[in-house]
PDB file of N, CA and C in Angstrom:
ATOM      1  N   MET A   1       0.739  -1.187   0.110  1.00  0.00           N
ATOM      2  CA  MET A   1      -0.003  -0.073  -0.042  1.00  0.00           C
ATOM      3  C   MET A   1       0.956   1.321  -0.059  1.00  0.00           C
ATOM      4  N   LYS A   2       0.674   1.963  -1.009  1.00  0.00           N
ATOM      5  CA  LYS A   2       1.430   3.234  -1.128  1.00  0.00           C
ATOM      6  C   LYS A   2       1.248   4.158   0.206  1.00  0.00           C
ATOM      7  N   ASN A   3       2.397   4.827   0.596  1.00  0.00           N
ATOM      8  CA  ASN A   3       2.284   5.714   1.875  1.00  0.00           C
ATOM      9  C   ASN A   3       3.397   6.777   1.816  1.00  0.00           C
ATOM     10  N   CYS A   4       3.348   7.604   2.806  1.00  0.00           N
ATOM     11  CA  CYS A   4       4.419   8.473   3.008  1.00  0.00           C
ATOM     12  C   CYS A   4       5.005   8.331   4.205  1.00  0.00           C
ATOM     13  N   LEU A   5       4.958   7.213   4.796  1.00  0.00           N
ATOM     14  CA  LEU A   5       5.511   6.846   6.247  1.00  0.00           C
ATOM     15  C   LEU A   5       6.891   7.323   6.359  1.00  0.00           C
ATOM     16  N   GLY A   6       7.883   6.890   5.287  1.00  0.00           N
ATOM     17  CA  GLY A   6       9.187   7.197   5.440  1.00  0.00           C
ATOM     18  C   GLY A   6       9.472   8.672   5.480  1.00  0.00           C
ATOM     19  N   ASP A   7       8.793   9.478   4.631  1.00  0.00           N
ATOM     20  CA  ASP A   7       8.938  10.984   4.694  1.00  0.00           C
ATOM     21  C   ASP A   7       8.489  11.477   6.163  1.00  0.00           C
ATOM     22  N   MET A   8       7.336  10.901   6.617  1.00  0.00           N
ATOM     23  CA  MET A   8       6.828  11.551   7.883  1.00  0.00           C
ATOM     24  C   MET A   8       7.813  11.120   9.023  1.00  0.00           C
ATOM     25  N   ARG A   9       8.368  10.006   8.954  1.00  0.00           N
ATOM     26  CA  ARG A   9       9.144   9.480  10.034  1.00  0.00           C
ATOM     27  C   ARG A   9      10.616  10.298   9.879  1.00  0.00           C
ATOM     28  N   LYS A  10      11.077  10.519   8.798  1.00  0.00           N
ATOM     29  CA  LYS A  10      12.389  11.304   8.663  1.00  0.00           C
ATOM     30  C   LYS A  10      12.068  12.710   9.075  1.00  0.00           C
ATOM     31  N   ALA A  11      10.945  13.232   8.547  1.00  0.00           N
ATOM     32  CA  ALA A  11      10.643  14.673   9.127  1.00  0.00           C
ATOM     33  C   ALA A  11      10.807  14.885  10.624  1.00  0.00           C
ATOM     34  N   ARG A  12      10.314  13.757  11.320  1.00  0.00           N
ATOM     35  CA  ARG A  12      10.551  13.780  12.833  1.00  0.00           C
ATOM     36  C   ARG A  12      11.729  13.346  13.357  1.00  0.00           C
ATOM     37  N   GLY A  13      12.635  13.072  12.438  1.00  0.00           N
ATOM     38  CA  GLY A  13      14.019  12.801  12.989  1.00  0.00           C
ATOM     39  C   GLY A  13      14.132  11.384  13.659  1.00  0.00           C
ATOM     40  N   LEU A  14      13.095  10.543  13.345  1.00  0.00           N
ATOM     41  CA  LEU A  14      13.248   9.245  13.728  1.00  0.00           C
ATOM     42  C   LEU A  14      13.776   8.141  12.989  1.00  0.00           C
ATOM     43  N   SER A  15      14.483   7.171  13.533  1.00  0.00           N
ATOM     44  CA  SER A  15      14.957   5.861  12.743  1.00  0.00           C
ATOM     45  C   SER A  15      13.674   5.028  12.753  1.00  0.00           C
ATOM     46  N   GLN A  16      13.780   4.031  11.953  1.00  0.00           N
ATOM     47  CA  GLN A  16      12.874   2.932  11.797  1.00  0.00           C
ATOM     48  C   GLN A  16      12.590   2.287  13.073  1.00  0.00           C
ATOM     49  N   GLY A  17      13.731   1.900  13.627  1.00  0.00           N
ATOM     50  CA  GLY A  17      13.632   1.364  15.128  1.00  0.00           C
ATOM     51  C   GLY A  17      12.915   2.018  16.253  1.00  0.00           C
ATOM     52  N   GLU A  18      13.278   3.433  16.163  1.00  0.00           N
ATOM     53  CA  GLU A  18      12.564   4.288  17.109  1.00  0.00           C
ATOM     54  C   GLU A  18      11.022   4.463  16.892  1.00  0.00           C
ATOM     55  N   LEU A  19      10.705   4.593  15.672  1.00  0.00           N
ATOM     56  CA  LEU A  19       9.130   4.595  15.322  1.00  0.00           C
ATOM     57  C   LEU A  19       8.535   3.305  15.594  1.00  0.00           C
ATOM     58  N   ALA A  20       9.258   2.190  15.428  1.00  0.00           N
ATOM     59  CA  ALA A  20       8.708   0.753  15.643  1.00  0.00           C
ATOM     60  C   ALA A  20       8.508   0.615  17.164  1.00  0.00           C
ATOM     61  N   GLU A  21       9.456   1.180  17.949  1.00  0.00           N
ATOM     62  CA  GLU A  21       9.384   0.873  19.429  1.00  0.00           C
ATOM     63  C   GLU A  21       8.124   1.790  20.002  1.00  0.00           C
ATOM     64  N   ARG A  22       7.907   2.933  19.353  1.00  0.00           N
ATOM     65  CA  ARG A  22       6.832   3.915  19.765  1.00  0.00           C
ATOM     66  C   ARG A  22       5.445   3.272  19.486  1.00  0.00           C
ATOM     67  N   ILE A  23       5.286   2.442  18.378  1.00  0.00           N
ATOM     68  CA  ILE A  23       4.011   1.905  18.075  1.00  0.00           C
ATOM     69  C   ILE A  23       3.999   0.476  18.291  1.00  0.00           C
ATOM     70  N   GLU A  24       5.006  -0.098  18.872  1.00  0.00           N
ATOM     71  CA  GLU A  24       4.978  -1.396  19.431  1.00  0.00           C
ATOM     72  C   GLU A  24       4.971  -2.551  18.316  1.00  0.00           C
ATOM     73  N   VAL A  25       5.932  -2.282  17.249  1.00  0.00           N
ATOM     74  CA  VAL A  25       6.052  -3.284  16.091  1.00  0.00           C
ATOM     75  C   VAL A  25       7.563  -3.455  15.905  1.00  0.00           C
ATOM     76  N   SER A  26       7.846  -4.249  15.090  1.00  0.00           N
ATOM     77  CA  SER A  26       9.265  -4.436  14.812  1.00  0.00           C
ATOM     78  C   SER A  26       9.907  -3.625  13.784  1.00  0.00           C
ATOM     79  N   ARG A  27      11.192  -3.304  13.898  1.00  0.00           N
ATOM     80  CA  ARG A  27      11.835  -2.328  12.880  1.00  0.00           C
ATOM     81  C   ARG A  27      11.642  -2.939  11.416  1.00  0.00           C
ATOM     82  N   GLN A  28      11.653  -4.370  11.355  1.00  0.00           N
ATOM     83  CA  GLN A  28      11.552  -5.021  10.024  1.00  0.00           C
ATOM     84  C   GLN A  28      10.014  -4.592   9.594  1.00  0.00           C
ATOM     85  N   THR A  29       9.165  -4.504  10.419  1.00  0.00           N
ATOM     86  CA  THR A  29       7.592  -4.197   9.952  1.00  0.00           C
ATOM     87  C   THR A  29       7.721  -2.898   9.371  1.00  0.00           C
ATOM     88  N   ILE A  30       8.191  -1.836  10.195  1.00  0.00           N
ATOM     89  CA  ILE A  30       8.262  -0.548   9.504  1.00  0.00           C
ATOM     90  C   ILE A  30       9.056  -0.465   8.173  1.00  0.00           C
ATOM     91  N   ASN A  31      10.084  -1.145   8.146  1.00  0.00           N
ATOM     92  CA  ASN A  31      10.819  -1.176   6.943  1.00  0.00           C
ATOM     93  C   ASN A  31      10.011  -1.860   5.645  1.00  0.00           C
ATOM     94  N   ALA A  32       9.318  -2.865   6.038  1.00  0.00           N
ATOM     95  CA  ALA A  32       8.517  -3.362   4.945  1.00  0.00           C
ATOM     96  C   ALA A  32       7.215  -2.565   4.662  1.00  0.00           C
ATOM     97  N   VAL A  33       6.656  -1.900   5.495  1.00  0.00           N
ATOM     98  CA  VAL A  33       5.490  -0.953   5.186  1.00  0.00           C
ATOM     99  C   VAL A  33       6.110   0.283   4.302  1.00  0.00           C
ATOM    100  N   GLU A  34       7.305   0.767   4.759  1.00  0.00           N
ATOM    101  CA  GLU A  34       7.917   1.908   3.970  1.00  0.00           C
ATOM    102  C   GLU A  34       8.165   1.435   2.511  1.00  0.00           C
ATOM    103  N   ALA A  35       8.640   0.196   2.337  1.00  0.00           N
ATOM    104  CA  ALA A  35       8.995  -0.373   1.019  1.00  0.00           C
ATOM    105  C   ALA A  35       7.878  -0.787   0.300  1.00  0.00           C
ATOM    106  N   ASP A  36       6.723  -0.720   0.719  1.00  0.00           N
ATOM    107  CA  ASP A  36       5.479  -1.126   0.040  1.00  0.00           C
ATOM    108  C   ASP A  36       5.391  -2.718  -0.148  1.00  0.00           C
ATOM    109  N   LYS A  37       6.007  -3.275   0.806  1.00  0.00           N
ATOM    110  CA  LYS A  37       6.035  -4.818   0.705  1.00  0.00           C
ATOM    111  C   LYS A  37       5.141  -5.438   1.792  1.00  0.00           C
ATOM    112  N   TYR A  38       4.522  -4.719   2.560  1.00  0.00           N
ATOM    113  CA  TYR A  38       3.539  -5.188   3.619  1.00  0.00           C
ATOM    114  C   TYR A  38       2.538  -4.075   3.938  1.00  0.00           C
ATOM    115  N   ASP A  39       1.365  -4.669   3.787  1.00  0.00           N
ATOM    116  CA  ASP A  39       0.138  -3.788   4.066  1.00  0.00           C
ATOM    117  C   ASP A  39      -0.180  -3.809   5.576  1.00  0.00           C
ATOM    118  N   PRO A  40      -0.082  -2.639   6.205  1.00  0.00           N
ATOM    119  CA  PRO A  40      -0.365  -2.815   7.699  1.00  0.00           C
ATOM    120  C   PRO A  40      -1.782  -3.157   8.135  1.00  0.00           C
ATOM    121  N   SER A  41      -1.954  -3.707   9.194  1.00  0.00           N
ATOM    122  CA  SER A  41      -3.361  -4.224   9.687  1.00  0.00           C
ATOM    123  C   SER A  41      -4.019  -2.799  10.050  1.00  0.00           C
ATOM    124  N   LEU A  42      -5.315  -2.831  10.023  1.00  0.00           N
ATOM    125  CA  LEU A  42      -6.085  -1.599  10.315  1.00  0.00           C
ATOM    126  C   LEU A  42      -5.617  -1.028  11.649  1.00  0.00           C
ATOM    127  N   PRO A  43      -5.523  -1.807  12.674  1.00  0.00           N
ATOM    128  CA  PRO A  43      -5.112  -1.171  14.081  1.00  0.00           C
ATOM    129  C   PRO A  43      -3.740  -0.432  13.909  1.00  0.00           C
ATOM    130  N   MET A  44      -2.779  -1.205  13.289  1.00  0.00           N
ATOM    131  CA  MET A  44      -1.473  -0.600  12.909  1.00  0.00           C
ATOM    132  C   MET A  44      -1.614   0.699  12.222  1.00  0.00           C
ATOM    133  N   ALA A  45      -2.412   0.679  11.209  1.00  0.00           N
ATOM    134  CA  ALA A  45      -2.397   2.080  10.434  1.00  0.00           C
ATOM    135  C   ALA A  45      -3.027   2.996  11.319  1.00  0.00           C
ATOM    136  N   TYR A  46      -3.952   2.760  12.052  1.00  0.00           N
ATOM    137  CA  TYR A  46      -4.587   3.735  13.044  1.00  0.00           C
ATOM    138  C   TYR A  46      -3.528   4.240  14.122  1.00  0.00           C
ATOM    139  N   ARG A  47      -2.757   3.341  14.738  1.00  0.00           N
ATOM    140  CA  ARG A  47      -1.536   3.693  15.582  1.00  0.00           C
ATOM    141  C   ARG A  47      -0.652   4.687  14.838  1.00  0.00           C
ATOM    142  N   LEU A  48      -0.087   4.440  13.838  1.00  0.00           N
ATOM    143  CA  LEU A  48       0.758   5.202  12.859  1.00  0.00           C
ATOM    144  C   LEU A  48       0.075   6.461  12.728  1.00  0.00           C
ATOM    145  N   ALA A  49      -1.130   6.458  12.172  1.00  0.00           N
ATOM    146  CA  ALA A  49      -1.883   7.953  11.920  1.00  0.00           C
ATOM    147  C   ALA A  49      -2.051   8.596  13.306  1.00  0.00           C
ATOM    148  N   ALA A  50      -2.233   8.080  14.408  1.00  0.00           N
ATOM    149  CA  ALA A  50      -2.323   8.714  15.666  1.00  0.00           C
ATOM    150  C   ALA A  50      -1.134   9.372  16.051  1.00  0.00           C
ATOM    151  N   PHE A  51      -0.038   8.603  15.910  1.00  0.00           N
ATOM    152  CA  PHE A  51       1.287   9.006  16.250  1.00  0.00           C
ATOM    153  C   PHE A  51       1.707  10.298  15.520  1.00  0.00           C
ATOM    154  N   PHE A  52       1.425  10.235  14.131  1.00  0.00           N
ATOM    155  CA  PHE A  52       1.717  11.448  13.326  1.00  0.00           C
ATOM    156  C   PHE A  52       0.765  12.339  13.390  1.00  0.00           C
ATOM    157  N   GLU A  53      -0.351  12.275  14.120  1.00  0.00           N
ATOM    158  CA  GLU A  53      -1.421  13.039  14.140  1.00  0.00           C
ATOM    159  C   GLU A  53      -2.103  13.608  12.820  1.00  0.00           C
ATOM    160  N   LEU A  54      -2.336  12.545  12.010  1.00  0.00           N
ATOM    161  CA  LEU A  54      -2.931  12.630  10.836  1.00  0.00           C
ATOM    162  C   LEU A  54      -4.002  11.704  10.546  1.00  0.00           C
ATOM    163  N   PRO A  55      -4.778  12.125   9.606  1.00  0.00           N
ATOM    164  CA  PRO A  55      -5.963  11.172   9.237  1.00  0.00           C
ATOM    165  C   PRO A  55      -5.259   9.837   8.560  1.00  0.00           C
ATOM    166  N   VAL A  56      -5.746   8.622   8.653  1.00  0.00           N
ATOM    167  CA  VAL A  56      -5.113   7.570   7.802  1.00  0.00           C
ATOM    168  C   VAL A  56      -5.017   7.701   6.469  1.00  0.00           C
ATOM    169  N   GLU A  57      -5.918   8.522   5.931  1.00  0.00           N
ATOM    170  CA  GLU A  57      -6.008   8.797   4.464  1.00  0.00           C
ATOM    171  C   GLU A  57      -4.906   9.762   3.914  1.00  0.00           C
ATOM    172  N   GLU A  58      -4.233  10.440   4.939  1.00  0.00           N
ATOM    173  CA  GLU A  58      -3.070  11.369   4.652  1.00  0.00           C
ATOM    174  C   GLU A  58      -1.823  10.568   4.700  1.00  0.00           C
ATOM    175  N   LEU A  59      -1.862   9.416   5.592  1.00  0.00           N
ATOM    176  CA  LEU A  59      -0.731   8.573   5.574  1.00  0.00           C
ATOM    177  C   LEU A  59      -0.445   7.463   4.601  1.00  0.00           C
ATOM    178  N   PHE A  60      -1.675   6.888   4.305  1.00  0.00           N
ATOM    179  CA  PHE A  60      -1.821   5.814   3.267  1.00  0.00           C
ATOM    180  C   PHE A  60      -2.717   6.178   2.146  1.00  0.00           C
ATOM    181  N   TYR A  61      -2.207   6.010   0.827  1.00  0.00           N
ATOM    182  CA  TYR A  61      -3.075   6.496  -0.307  1.00  0.00           C
ATOM    183  C   TYR A  61      -4.075   5.287  -0.607  1.00  0.00           C
ATOM    184  N   ASN A  62      -5.229   5.856  -0.711  1.00  0.00           N
ATOM    185  CA  ASN A  62      -6.518   4.924  -1.091  1.00  0.00           C
ATOM    186  C   ASN A  62      -6.435   4.695  -2.615  1.00  0.00           C
ATOM    187  N   PRO A  63      -6.270   3.432  -2.960  1.00  0.00           N
ATOM    188  CA  PRO A  63      -6.208   3.086  -4.472  1.00  0.00           C
ATOM    189  C   PRO A  63      -7.443   3.144  -5.224  1.00  0.00           C
ATOM    190  N   PHE A  64      -8.533   3.338  -4.431  1.00  0.00           N
ATOM    191  CA  PHE A  64      -9.847   3.370  -4.873  1.00  0.00           C
ATOM    192  C   PHE A  64     -10.366   4.721  -5.101  1.00  0.00           C
ATOM    193  N   ARG A  65      -9.635   5.727  -4.587  1.00  0.00           N
ATOM    194  CA  ARG A  65     -10.080   7.120  -4.537  1.00  0.00           C
ATOM    195  C   ARG A  65      -9.310   7.755  -5.768  1.00  0.00           C
ATOM    196  N   PRO A  66      -9.989   8.501  -6.489  1.00  0.00           N
ATOM    197  CA  PRO A  66      -9.214   9.303  -7.543  1.00  0.00           C
ATOM    198  C   PRO A  66      -8.230  10.339  -6.724  1.00  0.00           C
ATOM    199  N   GLN A  67      -6.972  10.523  -7.334  1.00  0.00           N
ATOM    200  CA  GLN A  67      -6.065  11.336  -6.595  1.00  0.00           C
ATOM    201  C   GLN A  67      -6.172  12.717  -7.390  1.00  0.00           C
ATOM    202  N   ASP A  68      -5.953  13.810  -6.722  1.00  0.00           N
ATOM    203  CA  ASP A  68      -6.039  15.120  -7.097  1.00  0.00           C
ATOM    204  C   ASP A  68      -4.886  15.625  -7.848  1.00  0.00           C
TER     205      ASP A  68
END
């Protein structure tokens, strides 16, 4: 699932490991999500969105919604 997780993480000055620790997943999970090799569960997507104080739709791109 396309996302801007890596950009958001880097803007906060966090490593993948630091972000993983804060949302209670492995660093490998963060790496896979950023590389578009793993689709996060809905609870994980909500935890990430809450951490970055964004709606889920701003962190993850909806492939079924036309992009502006």
